[in-house]
Each structure stands twice: as C-alpha cells, then as structure tokens.
Amino acid sequence: MTAISPHPDFPARSLPVDENGICDWLADATPGATLIYYRGHLGHDRMPSTKVLPEVLRRQVVDVATRIQQAAEAERVFLLQRRNGDDDFSYLAIKAAGHPRSSITRGGRR
C-alpha cells in the first residue's frame, strides 16, 4: 500500500480514514508513502466547544489525531499540512524509513 488518498474534491471537515485504517496503513505502507488523515482545521475541529462536527465524528477525529501523533513521536511518520484555503487544511502523514524509536532499547541496541 503506497498511499491512501481521498478524491481531490473531498469536502472540508472530512475524515478519510479511521483509526483502524491508520494502523493498517502504518503496518503496510512503504517508506515515503503518504496518507491524508484529515481535512479541515484539526486543532479547532477536534474541540468539543466548537460544535462544528457531530460528537461521534469529533471523537473519531480525536482518536485519529492521537494515533497519528503517537506514530510521529515514535518516529514512524513525518507530519505535514497543506493549506487548501481559509481554515481548510489537508493533514498528511509520510511513512518514515528505518525503525521506529520505540524498538530501540537502552544503550541504542536492539
């Protein structure tokens, strides 16, 4: 699997992949593969007080964002944003090459 990408015209505030899809992509993607995991304004849209998303979808967005952040902290992906317009961004994860940091033990040996 090299990339999961929705149709170029998918609407703002879209969640093109769920948490399970991210896990599958992380397991199967080759280094350099790109995943668009959200379109909208992630920092704003995931807050309960904004009420821009139905609660079920908002929780899914939070789960996806958390899973992607964990992968980035483990050095499994690089995170980027593409601006599409005002308050409209595509959020991308690019699969990193090499081994994730979490597989390295103390002293730098596996």
PDB file of N, CA and C in Angstrom:
ATOM      1  N   MET A   1       0.859  -1.162   0.000  1.00  0.00           N
ATOM      2  CA  MET A   1       0.000   0.000   0.000  1.00  0.00           C
ATOM      3  C   MET A   1       0.906   1.225   0.000  1.00  0.00           C
ATOM      4  N   THR A   2       0.776   2.072  -0.994  1.00  0.00           N
ATOM      5  CA  THR A   2       1.648   3.233  -1.075  1.00  0.00           C
ATOM      6  C   THR A   2       0.995   4.508  -0.586  1.00  0.00           C
ATOM      7  N   ALA A   3      -0.293   4.637  -0.764  1.00  0.00           N
ATOM      8  CA  ALA A   3      -0.946   5.866  -0.310  1.00  0.00           C
ATOM      9  C   ALA A   3      -2.433   5.639  -0.150  1.00  0.00           C
ATOM     10  N   ILE A   4      -2.989   6.276   0.829  1.00  0.00           N
ATOM     11  CA  ILE A   4      -4.436   6.349   0.970  1.00  0.00           C
ATOM     12  C   ILE A   4      -4.762   7.814   0.760  1.00  0.00           C
ATOM     13  N   SER A   5      -5.496   8.101  -0.267  1.00  0.00           N
ATOM     14  CA  SER A   5      -5.814   9.485  -0.565  1.00  0.00           C
ATOM     15  C   SER A   5      -7.236   9.578  -1.058  1.00  0.00           C
ATOM     16  N   PRO A   6      -8.036  10.423  -0.469  1.00  0.00           N
ATOM     17  CA  PRO A   6      -9.399  10.590  -0.930  1.00  0.00           C
ATOM     18  C   PRO A   6      -9.426  11.323  -2.260  1.00  0.00           C
ATOM     19  N   HIS A   7     -10.574  11.338  -2.866  1.00  0.00           N
ATOM     20  CA  HIS A   7     -10.777  12.103  -4.088  1.00  0.00           C
ATOM     21  C   HIS A   7     -10.327  13.535  -3.833  1.00  0.00           C
ATOM     22  N   PRO A   8      -9.661  14.181  -4.808  1.00  0.00           N
ATOM     23  CA  PRO A   8      -9.148  15.536  -4.571  1.00  0.00           C
ATOM     24  C   PRO A   8     -10.202  16.535  -4.116  1.00  0.00           C
ATOM     25  N   ASP A   9     -11.450  16.274  -4.410  1.00  0.00           N
ATOM     26  CA  ASP A   9     -12.505  17.215  -4.059  1.00  0.00           C
ATOM     27  C   ASP A   9     -13.267  16.823  -2.799  1.00  0.00           C
ATOM     28  N   PHE A  10     -12.698  15.945  -1.955  1.00  0.00           N
ATOM     29  CA  PHE A  10     -13.453  15.578  -0.761  1.00  0.00           C
ATOM     30  C   PHE A  10     -13.651  16.822   0.090  1.00  0.00           C
ATOM     31  N   PRO A  11     -14.790  16.893   0.754  1.00  0.00           N
ATOM     32  CA  PRO A  11     -15.173  18.142   1.415  1.00  0.00           C
ATOM     33  C   PRO A  11     -14.328  18.460   2.645  1.00  0.00           C
ATOM     34  N   ALA A  12     -14.302  19.742   2.967  1.00  0.00           N
ATOM     35  CA  ALA A  12     -13.650  20.170   4.201  1.00  0.00           C
ATOM     36  C   ALA A  12     -14.336  19.489   5.377  1.00  0.00           C
ATOM     37  N   ARG A  13     -13.577  19.334   6.458  1.00  0.00           N
ATOM     38  CA  ARG A  13     -14.044  18.625   7.647  1.00  0.00           C
ATOM     39  C   ARG A  13     -14.410  17.191   7.298  1.00  0.00           C
ATOM     40  N   SER A  14     -13.452  16.518   6.654  1.00  0.00           N
ATOM     41  CA  SER A  14     -13.628  15.121   6.280  1.00  0.00           C
ATOM     42  C   SER A  14     -12.588  14.271   6.986  1.00  0.00           C
ATOM     43  N   LEU A  15     -12.987  13.083   7.344  1.00  0.00           N
ATOM     44  CA  LEU A  15     -12.107  12.109   7.964  1.00  0.00           C
ATOM     45  C   LEU A  15     -12.018  10.929   7.002  1.00  0.00           C
ATOM     46  N   PRO A  16     -11.044  10.943   6.072  1.00  0.00           N
ATOM     47  CA  PRO A  16     -10.996   9.914   5.041  1.00  0.00           C
ATOM     48  C   PRO A  16     -10.528   8.550   5.522  1.00  0.00           C
ATOM     49  N   VAL A  17     -10.043   8.449   6.757  1.00  0.00           N
ATOM     50  CA  VAL A  17      -9.566   7.173   7.284  1.00  0.00           C
ATOM     51  C   VAL A  17      -9.868   7.142   8.780  1.00  0.00           C
ATOM     52  N   ASP A  18     -10.190   5.950   9.290  1.00  0.00           N
ATOM     53  CA  ASP A  18     -10.437   5.824  10.724  1.00  0.00           C
ATOM     54  C   ASP A  18      -9.187   5.285  11.419  1.00  0.00           C
ATOM     55  N   GLU A  19      -9.277   5.106  12.724  1.00  0.00           N
ATOM     56  CA  GLU A  19      -8.111   4.676  13.499  1.00  0.00           C
ATOM     57  C   GLU A  19      -7.598   3.314  13.038  1.00  0.00           C
ATOM     58  N   ASN A  20      -8.495   2.376  12.741  1.00  0.00           N
ATOM     59  CA  ASN A  20      -8.060   1.068  12.246  1.00  0.00           C
ATOM     60  C   ASN A  20      -7.370   1.188  10.897  1.00  0.00           C
ATOM     61  N   GLY A  21      -7.868   2.071  10.049  1.00  0.00           N
ATOM     62  CA  GLY A  21      -7.235   2.301   8.757  1.00  0.00           C
ATOM     63  C   GLY A  21      -5.819   2.833   8.905  1.00  0.00           C
ATOM     64  N   ILE A  22      -5.614   3.684   9.900  1.00  0.00           N
ATOM     65  CA  ILE A  22      -4.270   4.205  10.159  1.00  0.00           C
ATOM     66  C   ILE A  22      -3.342   3.075  10.594  1.00  0.00           C
ATOM     67  N   CYS A  23      -3.812   2.220  11.483  1.00  0.00           N
ATOM     68  CA  CYS A  23      -2.990   1.098  11.942  1.00  0.00           C
ATOM     69  C   CYS A  23      -2.622   0.189  10.770  1.00  0.00           C
ATOM     70  N   ASP A  24      -3.592  -0.089   9.902  1.00  0.00           N
ATOM     71  CA  ASP A  24      -3.316  -0.911   8.716  1.00  0.00           C
ATOM     72  C   ASP A  24      -2.289  -0.223   7.821  1.00  0.00           C
ATOM     73  N   TRP A  25      -2.474   1.073   7.605  1.00  0.00           N
ATOM     74  CA  TRP A  25      -1.545   1.812   6.755  1.00  0.00           C
ATOM     75  C   TRP A  25      -0.140   1.806   7.352  1.00  0.00           C
ATOM     76  N   LEU A  26      -0.017   2.026   8.650  1.00  0.00           N
ATOM     77  CA  LEU A  26       1.297   2.018   9.293  1.00  0.00           C
ATOM     78  C   LEU A  26       1.991   0.670   9.123  1.00  0.00           C
ATOM     79  N   ALA A  27       1.223  -0.407   9.177  1.00  0.00           N
ATOM     80  CA  ALA A  27       1.795  -1.745   9.037  1.00  0.00           C
ATOM     81  C   ALA A  27       2.200  -2.049   7.600  1.00  0.00           C
ATOM     82  N   ASP A  28       1.447  -1.545   6.632  1.00  0.00           N
ATOM     83  CA  ASP A  28       1.624  -1.955   5.239  1.00  0.00           C
ATOM     84  C   ASP A  28       2.345  -0.951   4.351  1.00  0.00           C
ATOM     85  N   ALA A  29       2.354   0.305   4.699  1.00  0.00           N
ATOM     86  CA  ALA A  29       2.899   1.343   3.811  1.00  0.00           C
ATOM     87  C   ALA A  29       4.412   1.238   3.697  1.00  0.00           C
ATOM     88  N   THR A  30       4.904   1.583   2.528  1.00  0.00           N
ATOM     89  CA  THR A  30       6.343   1.623   2.308  1.00  0.00           C
ATOM     90  C   THR A  30       6.862   3.013   2.681  1.00  0.00           C
ATOM     91  N   PRO A  31       8.145   3.129   3.020  1.00  0.00           N
ATOM     92  CA  PRO A  31       8.696   4.447   3.335  1.00  0.00           C
ATOM     93  C   PRO A  31       8.439   5.438   2.199  1.00  0.00           C
ATOM     94  N   GLY A  32       8.011   6.630   2.574  1.00  0.00           N
ATOM     95  CA  GLY A  32       7.699   7.669   1.606  1.00  0.00           C
ATOM     96  C   GLY A  32       6.234   7.725   1.217  1.00  0.00           C
ATOM     97  N   ALA A  33       5.469   6.687   1.573  1.00  0.00           N
ATOM     98  CA  ALA A  33       4.034   6.679   1.265  1.00  0.00           C
ATOM     99  C   ALA A  33       3.344   7.789   2.050  1.00  0.00           C
ATOM    100  N   THR A  34       2.303   8.347   1.459  1.00  0.00           N
ATOM    101  CA  THR A  34       1.593   9.479   2.057  1.00  0.00           C
ATOM    102  C   THR A  34       0.152   9.109   2.371  1.00  0.00           C
ATOM    103  N   LEU A  35      -0.299   9.524   3.530  1.00  0.00           N
ATOM    104  CA  LEU A  35      -1.676   9.324   3.966  1.00  0.00           C
ATOM    105  C   LEU A  35      -2.277  10.683   4.302  1.00  0.00           C
ATOM    106  N   ILE A  36      -3.410  11.013   3.698  1.00  0.00           N
ATOM    107  CA  ILE A  36      -4.172  12.190   4.121  1.00  0.00           C
ATOM    108  C   ILE A  36      -5.155  11.685   5.171  1.00  0.00           C
ATOM    109  N   TYR A  37      -4.959  12.110   6.422  1.00  0.00           N
ATOM    110  CA  TYR A  37      -5.770  11.556   7.500  1.00  0.00           C
ATOM    111  C   TYR A  37      -6.882  12.491   7.977  1.00  0.00           C
ATOM    112  N   TYR A  38      -6.848  13.753   7.559  1.00  0.00           N
ATOM    113  CA  TYR A  38      -7.938  14.662   7.912  1.00  0.00           C
ATOM    114  C   TYR A  38      -7.893  15.871   7.003  1.00  0.00           C
ATOM    115  N   ARG A  39      -9.073  16.435   6.756  1.00  0.00           N
ATOM    116  CA  ARG A  39      -9.166  17.715   6.058  1.00  0.00           C
ATOM    117  C   ARG A  39     -10.112  18.609   6.843  1.00  0.00           C
ATOM    118  N   GLY A  40      -9.656  19.801   7.125  1.00  0.00           N
ATOM    119  CA  GLY A  40     -10.415  20.769   7.905  1.00  0.00           C
ATOM    120  C   GLY A  40      -9.437  21.638   8.668  1.00  0.00           C
ATOM    121  N   HIS A  41      -9.745  21.938   9.908  1.00  0.00           N
ATOM    122  CA  HIS A  41      -8.851  22.676  10.806  1.00  0.00           C
ATOM    123  C   HIS A  41      -8.772  21.840  12.077  1.00  0.00           C
ATOM    124  N   LEU A  42      -7.798  20.941  12.102  1.00  0.00           N
ATOM    125  CA  LEU A  42      -7.733  19.895  13.123  1.00  0.00           C
ATOM    126  C   LEU A  42      -7.764  20.436  14.548  1.00  0.00           C
ATOM    127  N   GLY A  43      -6.960  21.433  14.850  1.00  0.00           N
ATOM    128  CA  GLY A  43      -6.922  21.977  16.206  1.00  0.00           C
ATOM    129  C   GLY A  43      -8.260  22.548  16.651  1.00  0.00           C
ATOM    130  N   HIS A  44      -8.972  23.143  15.741  1.00  0.00           N
ATOM    131  CA  HIS A  44     -10.278  23.745  16.022  1.00  0.00           C
ATOM    132  C   HIS A  44     -11.375  22.685  16.028  1.00  0.00           C
ATOM    133  N   ASP A  45     -11.393  21.850  14.998  1.00  0.00           N
ATOM    134  CA  ASP A  45     -12.496  20.912  14.796  1.00  0.00           C
ATOM    135  C   ASP A  45     -12.586  19.839  15.879  1.00  0.00           C
ATOM    136  N   ARG A  46     -11.464  19.513  16.501  1.00  0.00           N
ATOM    137  CA  ARG A  46     -11.489  18.434  17.499  1.00  0.00           C
ATOM    138  C   ARG A  46     -11.934  18.898  18.887  1.00  0.00           C
ATOM    139  N   MET A  47     -12.085  20.197  19.084  1.00  0.00           N
ATOM    140  CA  MET A  47     -12.506  20.733  20.376  1.00  0.00           C
ATOM    141  C   MET A  47     -14.015  20.595  20.551  1.00  0.00           C
ATOM    142  N   PRO A  48     -14.479  20.050  21.688  1.00  0.00           N
ATOM    143  CA  PRO A  48     -15.920  19.881  21.897  1.00  0.00           C
ATOM    144  C   PRO A  48     -16.687  21.202  21.863  1.00  0.00           C
ATOM    145  N   SER A  49     -16.065  22.272  22.301  1.00  0.00           N
ATOM    146  CA  SER A  49     -16.768  23.553  22.398  1.00  0.00           C
ATOM    147  C   SER A  49     -17.089  24.178  21.043  1.00  0.00           C
ATOM    148  N   THR A  50     -16.402  23.775  19.977  1.00  0.00           N
ATOM    149  CA  THR A  50     -16.648  24.395  18.671  1.00  0.00           C
ATOM    150  C   THR A  50     -17.926  23.892  18.019  1.00  0.00           C
ATOM    151  N   LYS A  51     -18.294  22.652  18.306  1.00  0.00           N
ATOM    152  CA  LYS A  51     -19.522  22.042  17.787  1.00  0.00           C
ATOM    153  C   LYS A  51     -19.639  22.123  16.263  1.00  0.00           C
ATOM    154  N   VAL A  52     -18.502  22.037  15.554  1.00  0.00           N
ATOM    155  CA  VAL A  52     -18.542  22.041  14.091  1.00  0.00           C
ATOM    156  C   VAL A  52     -18.751  20.640  13.524  1.00  0.00           C
ATOM    157  N   LEU A  53     -18.549  19.618  14.353  1.00  0.00           N
ATOM    158  CA  LEU A  53     -18.730  18.226  13.934  1.00  0.00           C
ATOM    159  C   LEU A  53     -19.721  17.541  14.863  1.00  0.00           C
ATOM    160  N   PRO A  54     -20.471  16.570  14.333  1.00  0.00           N
ATOM    161  CA  PRO A  54     -21.279  15.742  15.238  1.00  0.00           C
ATOM    162  C   PRO A  54     -20.349  15.048  16.239  1.00  0.00           C
ATOM    163  N   GLU A  55     -20.825  14.815  17.440  1.00  0.00           N
ATOM    164  CA  GLU A  55     -19.978  14.287  18.515  1.00  0.00           C
ATOM    165  C   GLU A  55     -19.294  12.971  18.139  1.00  0.00           C
ATOM    166  N   VAL A  56     -19.995  12.079  17.472  1.00  0.00           N
ATOM    167  CA  VAL A  56     -19.390  10.790  17.089  1.00  0.00           C
ATOM    168  C   VAL A  56     -18.202  11.027  16.158  1.00  0.00           C
ATOM    169  N   LEU A  57     -18.368  11.881  15.171  1.00  0.00           N
ATOM    170  CA  LEU A  57     -17.278  12.180  14.239  1.00  0.00           C
ATOM    171  C   LEU A  57     -16.152  12.930  14.943  1.00  0.00           C
ATOM    172  N   ARG A  58     -16.489  13.843  15.838  1.00  0.00           N
ATOM    173  CA  ARG A  58     -15.456  14.577  16.573  1.00  0.00           C
ATOM    174  C   ARG A  58     -14.582  13.626  17.375  1.00  0.00           C
ATOM    175  N   ARG A  59     -15.197  12.637  18.012  1.00  0.00           N
ATOM    176  CA  ARG A  59     -14.419  11.654  18.783  1.00  0.00           C
ATOM    177  C   ARG A  59     -13.526  10.822  17.869  1.00  0.00           C
ATOM    178  N   GLN A  60     -14.020  10.489  16.679  1.00  0.00           N
ATOM    179  CA  GLN A  60     -13.199   9.755  15.711  1.00  0.00           C
ATOM    180  C   GLN A  60     -12.005  10.599  15.276  1.00  0.00           C
ATOM    181  N   VAL A  61     -12.234  11.886  15.082  1.00  0.00           N
ATOM    182  CA  VAL A  61     -11.147  12.796  14.713  1.00  0.00           C
ATOM    183  C   VAL A  61     -10.098  12.827  15.821  1.00  0.00           C
ATOM    184  N   VAL A  62     -10.524  12.898  17.066  1.00  0.00           N
ATOM    185  CA  VAL A  62      -9.596  12.888  18.201  1.00  0.00           C
ATOM    186  C   VAL A  62      -8.802  11.584  18.220  1.00  0.00           C
ATOM    187  N   ASP A  63      -9.469  10.450  18.015  1.00  0.00           N
ATOM    188  CA  ASP A  63      -8.786   9.152  18.008  1.00  0.00           C
ATOM    189  C   ASP A  63      -7.743   9.078  16.896  1.00  0.00           C
ATOM    190  N   VAL A  64      -8.115   9.538  15.705  1.00  0.00           N
ATOM    191  CA  VAL A  64      -7.190   9.530  14.569  1.00  0.00           C
ATOM    192  C   VAL A  64      -6.000  10.446  14.857  1.00  0.00           C
ATOM    193  N   ALA A  65      -6.258  11.649  15.344  1.00  0.00           N
ATOM    194  CA  ALA A  65      -5.181  12.596  15.635  1.00  0.00           C
ATOM    195  C   ALA A  65      -4.244  12.050  16.711  1.00  0.00           C
ATOM    196  N   THR A  66      -4.791  11.405  17.716  1.00  0.00           N
ATOM    197  CA  THR A  66      -3.974  10.822  18.780  1.00  0.00           C
ATOM    198  C   THR A  66      -3.096   9.708  18.240  1.00  0.00           C
ATOM    199  N   ARG A  67      -3.666   8.831  17.428  1.00  0.00           N
ATOM    200  CA  ARG A  67      -2.905   7.706  16.859  1.00  0.00           C
ATOM    201  C   ARG A  67      -1.784   8.219  15.956  1.00  0.00           C
ATOM    202  N   ILE A  68      -2.068   9.214  15.135  1.00  0.00           N
ATOM    203  CA  ILE A  68      -1.047   9.780  14.248  1.00  0.00           C
ATOM    204  C   ILE A  68       0.051  10.457  15.068  1.00  0.00           C
ATOM    205  N   GLN A  69      -0.325  11.178  16.128  1.00  0.00           N
ATOM    206  CA  GLN A  69       0.668  11.836  16.978  1.00  0.00           C
ATOM    207  C   GLN A  69       1.579  10.804  17.640  1.00  0.00           C
ATOM    208  N   GLN A  70       1.013   9.688  18.093  1.00  0.00           N
ATOM    209  CA  GLN A  70       1.826   8.622  18.685  1.00  0.00           C
ATOM    210  C   GLN A  70       2.821   8.071  17.669  1.00  0.00           C
ATOM    211  N   ALA A  71       2.375   7.887  16.432  1.00  0.00           N
ATOM    212  CA  ALA A  71       3.263   7.388  15.382  1.00  0.00           C
ATOM    213  C   ALA A  71       4.386   8.390  15.099  1.00  0.00           C
ATOM    214  N   ALA A  72       4.067   9.675  15.128  1.00  0.00           N
ATOM    215  CA  ALA A  72       5.089  10.702  14.905  1.00  0.00           C
ATOM    216  C   ALA A  72       6.099  10.724  16.052  1.00  0.00           C
ATOM    217  N   GLU A  73       5.621  10.610  17.278  1.00  0.00           N
ATOM    218  CA  GLU A  73       6.519  10.600  18.436  1.00  0.00           C
ATOM    219  C   GLU A  73       7.433   9.384  18.420  1.00  0.00           C
ATOM    220  N   ALA A  74       6.963   8.280  17.836  1.00  0.00           N
ATOM    221  CA  ALA A  74       7.769   7.066  17.712  1.00  0.00           C
ATOM    222  C   ALA A  74       8.625   7.087  16.445  1.00  0.00           C
ATOM    223  N   GLU A  75       8.613   8.218  15.735  1.00  0.00           N
ATOM    224  CA  GLU A  75       9.399   8.421  14.516  1.00  0.00           C
ATOM    225  C   GLU A  75       9.021   7.461  13.394  1.00  0.00           C
ATOM    226  N   ARG A  76       7.753   7.074  13.359  1.00  0.00           N
ATOM    227  CA  ARG A  76       7.256   6.202  12.288  1.00  0.00           C
ATOM    228  C   ARG A  76       6.722   7.008  11.118  1.00  0.00           C
ATOM    229  N   VAL A  77       6.351   8.271  11.357  1.00  0.00           N
ATOM    230  CA  VAL A  77       5.831   9.146  10.303  1.00  0.00           C
ATOM    231  C   VAL A  77       6.339  10.569  10.514  1.00  0.00           C
ATOM    232  N   PHE A  78       6.293  11.336   9.431  1.00  0.00           N
ATOM    233  CA  PHE A  78       6.511  12.779   9.472  1.00  0.00           C
ATOM    234  C   PHE A  78       5.164  13.421   9.200  1.00  0.00           C
ATOM    235  N   LEU A  79       4.844  14.490   9.908  1.00  0.00           N
ATOM    236  CA  LEU A  79       3.547  15.143   9.760  1.00  0.00           C
ATOM    237  C   LEU A  79       3.692  16.459   9.011  1.00  0.00           C
ATOM    238  N   LEU A  80       2.768  16.680   8.073  1.00  0.00           N
ATOM    239  CA  LEU A  80       2.744  17.904   7.274  1.00  0.00           C
ATOM    240  C   LEU A  80       1.323  18.399   7.133  1.00  0.00           C
ATOM    241  N   GLN A  81       1.202  19.664   6.762  1.00  0.00           N
ATOM    242  CA  GLN A  81      -0.104  20.257   6.464  1.00  0.00           C
ATOM    243  C   GLN A  81      -0.030  20.903   5.089  1.00  0.00           C
ATOM    244  N   ARG A  82      -1.126  20.825   4.366  1.00  0.00           N
ATOM    245  CA  ARG A  82      -1.253  21.530   3.091  1.00  0.00           C
ATOM    246  C   ARG A  82      -2.436  22.478   3.214  1.00  0.00           C
ATOM    247  N   ARG A  83      -2.201  23.742   2.976  1.00  0.00           N
ATOM    248  CA  ARG A  83      -3.289  24.725   3.061  1.00  0.00           C
ATOM    249  C   ARG A  83      -4.107  24.683   1.775  1.00  0.00           C
ATOM    250  N   ASN A  84      -5.416  24.484   1.921  1.00  0.00           N
ATOM    251  CA  ASN A  84      -6.326  24.459   0.781  1.00  0.00           C
ATOM    252  C   ASN A  84      -7.086  25.772   0.645  1.00  0.00           C
ATOM    253  N   GLY A  85      -7.221  26.507   1.746  1.00  0.00           N
ATOM    254  CA  GLY A  85      -7.971  27.763   1.773  1.00  0.00           C
ATOM    255  C   GLY A  85      -8.079  28.226   3.211  1.00  0.00           C
ATOM    256  N   ASP A  86      -8.923  29.210   3.449  1.00  0.00           N
ATOM    257  CA  ASP A  86      -9.115  29.721   4.807  1.00  0.00           C
ATOM    258  C   ASP A  86      -9.680  28.623   5.710  1.00  0.00           C
ATOM    259  N   ASP A  87      -8.997  28.365   6.819  1.00  0.00           N
ATOM    260  CA  ASP A  87      -9.419  27.341   7.794  1.00  0.00           C
ATOM    261  C   ASP A  87      -9.666  25.987   7.145  1.00  0.00           C
ATOM    262  N   ASP A  88      -8.930  25.675   6.097  1.00  0.00           N
ATOM    263  CA  ASP A  88      -9.092  24.417   5.361  1.00  0.00           C
ATOM    264  C   ASP A  88      -7.707  23.872   5.034  1.00  0.00           C
ATOM    265  N   PHE A  89      -7.334  22.811   5.739  1.00  0.00           N
ATOM    266  CA  PHE A  89      -6.024  22.200   5.576  1.00  0.00           C
ATOM    267  C   PHE A  89      -6.187  20.707   5.335  1.00  0.00           C
ATOM    268  N   SER A  90      -5.266  20.135   4.570  1.00  0.00           N
ATOM    269  CA  SER A  90      -5.148  18.683   4.479  1.00  0.00           C
ATOM    270  C   SER A  90      -3.992  18.295   5.392  1.00  0.00           C
ATOM    271  N   TYR A  91      -4.220  17.306   6.232  1.00  0.00           N
ATOM    272  CA  TYR A  91      -3.210  16.838   7.178  1.00  0.00           C
ATOM    273  C   TYR A  91      -2.650  15.530   6.652  1.00  0.00           C
ATOM    274  N   LEU A  92      -1.330  15.495   6.459  1.00  0.00           N
ATOM    275  CA  LEU A  92      -0.671  14.366   5.828  1.00  0.00           C
ATOM    276  C   LEU A  92       0.326  13.716   6.771  1.00  0.00           C
ATOM    277  N   ALA A  93       0.432  12.412   6.656  1.00  0.00           N
ATOM    278  CA  ALA A  93       1.473  11.645   7.331  1.00  0.00           C
ATOM    279  C   ALA A  93       2.293  10.976   6.239  1.00  0.00           C
ATOM    280  N   ILE A  94       3.615  11.076   6.336  1.00  0.00           N
ATOM    281  CA  ILE A  94       4.509  10.419   5.393  1.00  0.00           C
ATOM    282  C   ILE A  94       5.265   9.352   6.160  1.00  0.00           C
ATOM    283  N   LYS A  95       5.195   8.131   5.669  1.00  0.00           N
ATOM    284  CA  LYS A  95       5.834   6.995   6.346  1.00  0.00           C
ATOM    285  C   LYS A  95       7.348   7.179   6.338  1.00  0.00           C
ATOM    286  N   ALA A  96       7.958   7.055   7.502  1.00  0.00           N
ATOM    287  CA  ALA A  96       9.403   7.204   7.655  1.00  0.00           C
ATOM    288  C   ALA A  96      10.111   5.907   7.287  1.00  0.00           C
ATOM    289  N   ALA A  97      11.355   6.038   6.915  1.00  0.00           N
ATOM    290  CA  ALA A  97      12.195   4.870   6.658  1.00  0.00           C
ATOM    291  C   ALA A  97      12.857   4.453   7.965  1.00  0.00           C
ATOM    292  N   GLY A  98      13.305   3.236   8.033  1.00  0.00           N
ATOM    293  CA  GLY A  98      14.032   2.789   9.206  1.00  0.00           C
ATOM    294  C   GLY A  98      13.116   2.246  10.281  1.00  0.00           C
ATOM    295  N   HIS A  99      13.680   2.121  11.450  1.00  0.00           N
ATOM    296  CA  HIS A  99      12.974   1.516  12.571  1.00  0.00           C
ATOM    297  C   HIS A  99      12.415   2.591  13.488  1.00  0.00           C
ATOM    298  N   PRO A 100      11.229   2.362  14.024  1.00  0.00           N
ATOM    299  CA  PRO A 100      10.685   3.344  14.963  1.00  0.00           C
ATOM    300  C   PRO A 100      11.509   3.397  16.237  1.00  0.00           C
ATOM    301  N   ARG A 101      11.542   4.554  16.850  1.00  0.00           N
ATOM    302  CA  ARG A 101      12.316   4.762  18.073  1.00  0.00           C
ATOM    303  C   ARG A 101      11.925   3.776  19.164  1.00  0.00           C
ATOM    304  N   SER A 102      10.650   3.390  19.209  1.00  0.00           N
ATOM    305  CA  SER A 102      10.192   2.514  20.285  1.00  0.00           C
ATOM    306  C   SER A 102      10.822   1.131  20.227  1.00  0.00           C
ATOM    307  N   SER A 103      11.446   0.764  19.095  1.00  0.00           N
ATOM    308  CA  SER A 103      12.060  -0.558  19.003  1.00  0.00           C
ATOM    309  C   SER A 103      13.519  -0.538  19.458  1.00  0.00           C
ATOM    310  N   ILE A 104      14.040   0.629  19.825  1.00  0.00           N
ATOM    311  CA  ILE A 104      15.426   0.737  20.262  1.00  0.00           C
ATOM    312  C   ILE A 104      15.457   0.688  21.781  1.00  0.00           C
ATOM    313  N   THR A 105      16.290  -0.181  22.302  1.00  0.00           N
ATOM    314  CA  THR A 105      16.374  -0.340  23.749  1.00  0.00           C
ATOM    315  C   THR A 105      17.440   0.592  24.314  1.00  0.00           C
ATOM    316  N   ARG A 106      17.552   0.623  25.621  1.00  0.00           N
ATOM    317  CA  ARG A 106      18.550   1.449  26.296  1.00  0.00           C
ATOM    318  C   ARG A 106      19.939   1.080  25.778  1.00  0.00           C
ATOM    319  N   GLY A 107      20.760   2.059  25.535  1.00  0.00           N
ATOM    320  CA  GLY A 107      22.100   1.822  25.016  1.00  0.00           C
ATOM    321  C   GLY A 107      22.140   1.811  23.494  1.00  0.00           C
ATOM    322  N   GLY A 108      20.987   1.961  22.848  1.00  0.00           N
ATOM    323  CA  GLY A 108      20.959   2.041  21.394  1.00  0.00           C
ATOM    324  C   GLY A 108      20.998   0.707  20.686  1.00  0.00           C
ATOM    325  N   ARG A 109      20.911  -0.407  21.429  1.00  0.00           N
ATOM    326  CA  ARG A 109      20.931  -1.725  20.789  1.00  0.00           C
ATOM    327  C   ARG A 109      19.555  -2.333  20.793  1.00  0.00           C
ATOM    328  N   ARG A 110      19.325  -3.167  19.817  1.00  0.00           N
ATOM    329  CA  ARG A 110      18.047  -3.879  19.725  1.00  0.00           C
ATOM    330  C   ARG A 110      18.147  -5.195  20.435  1.00  0.00           C
TER     331      ARG A 110
END
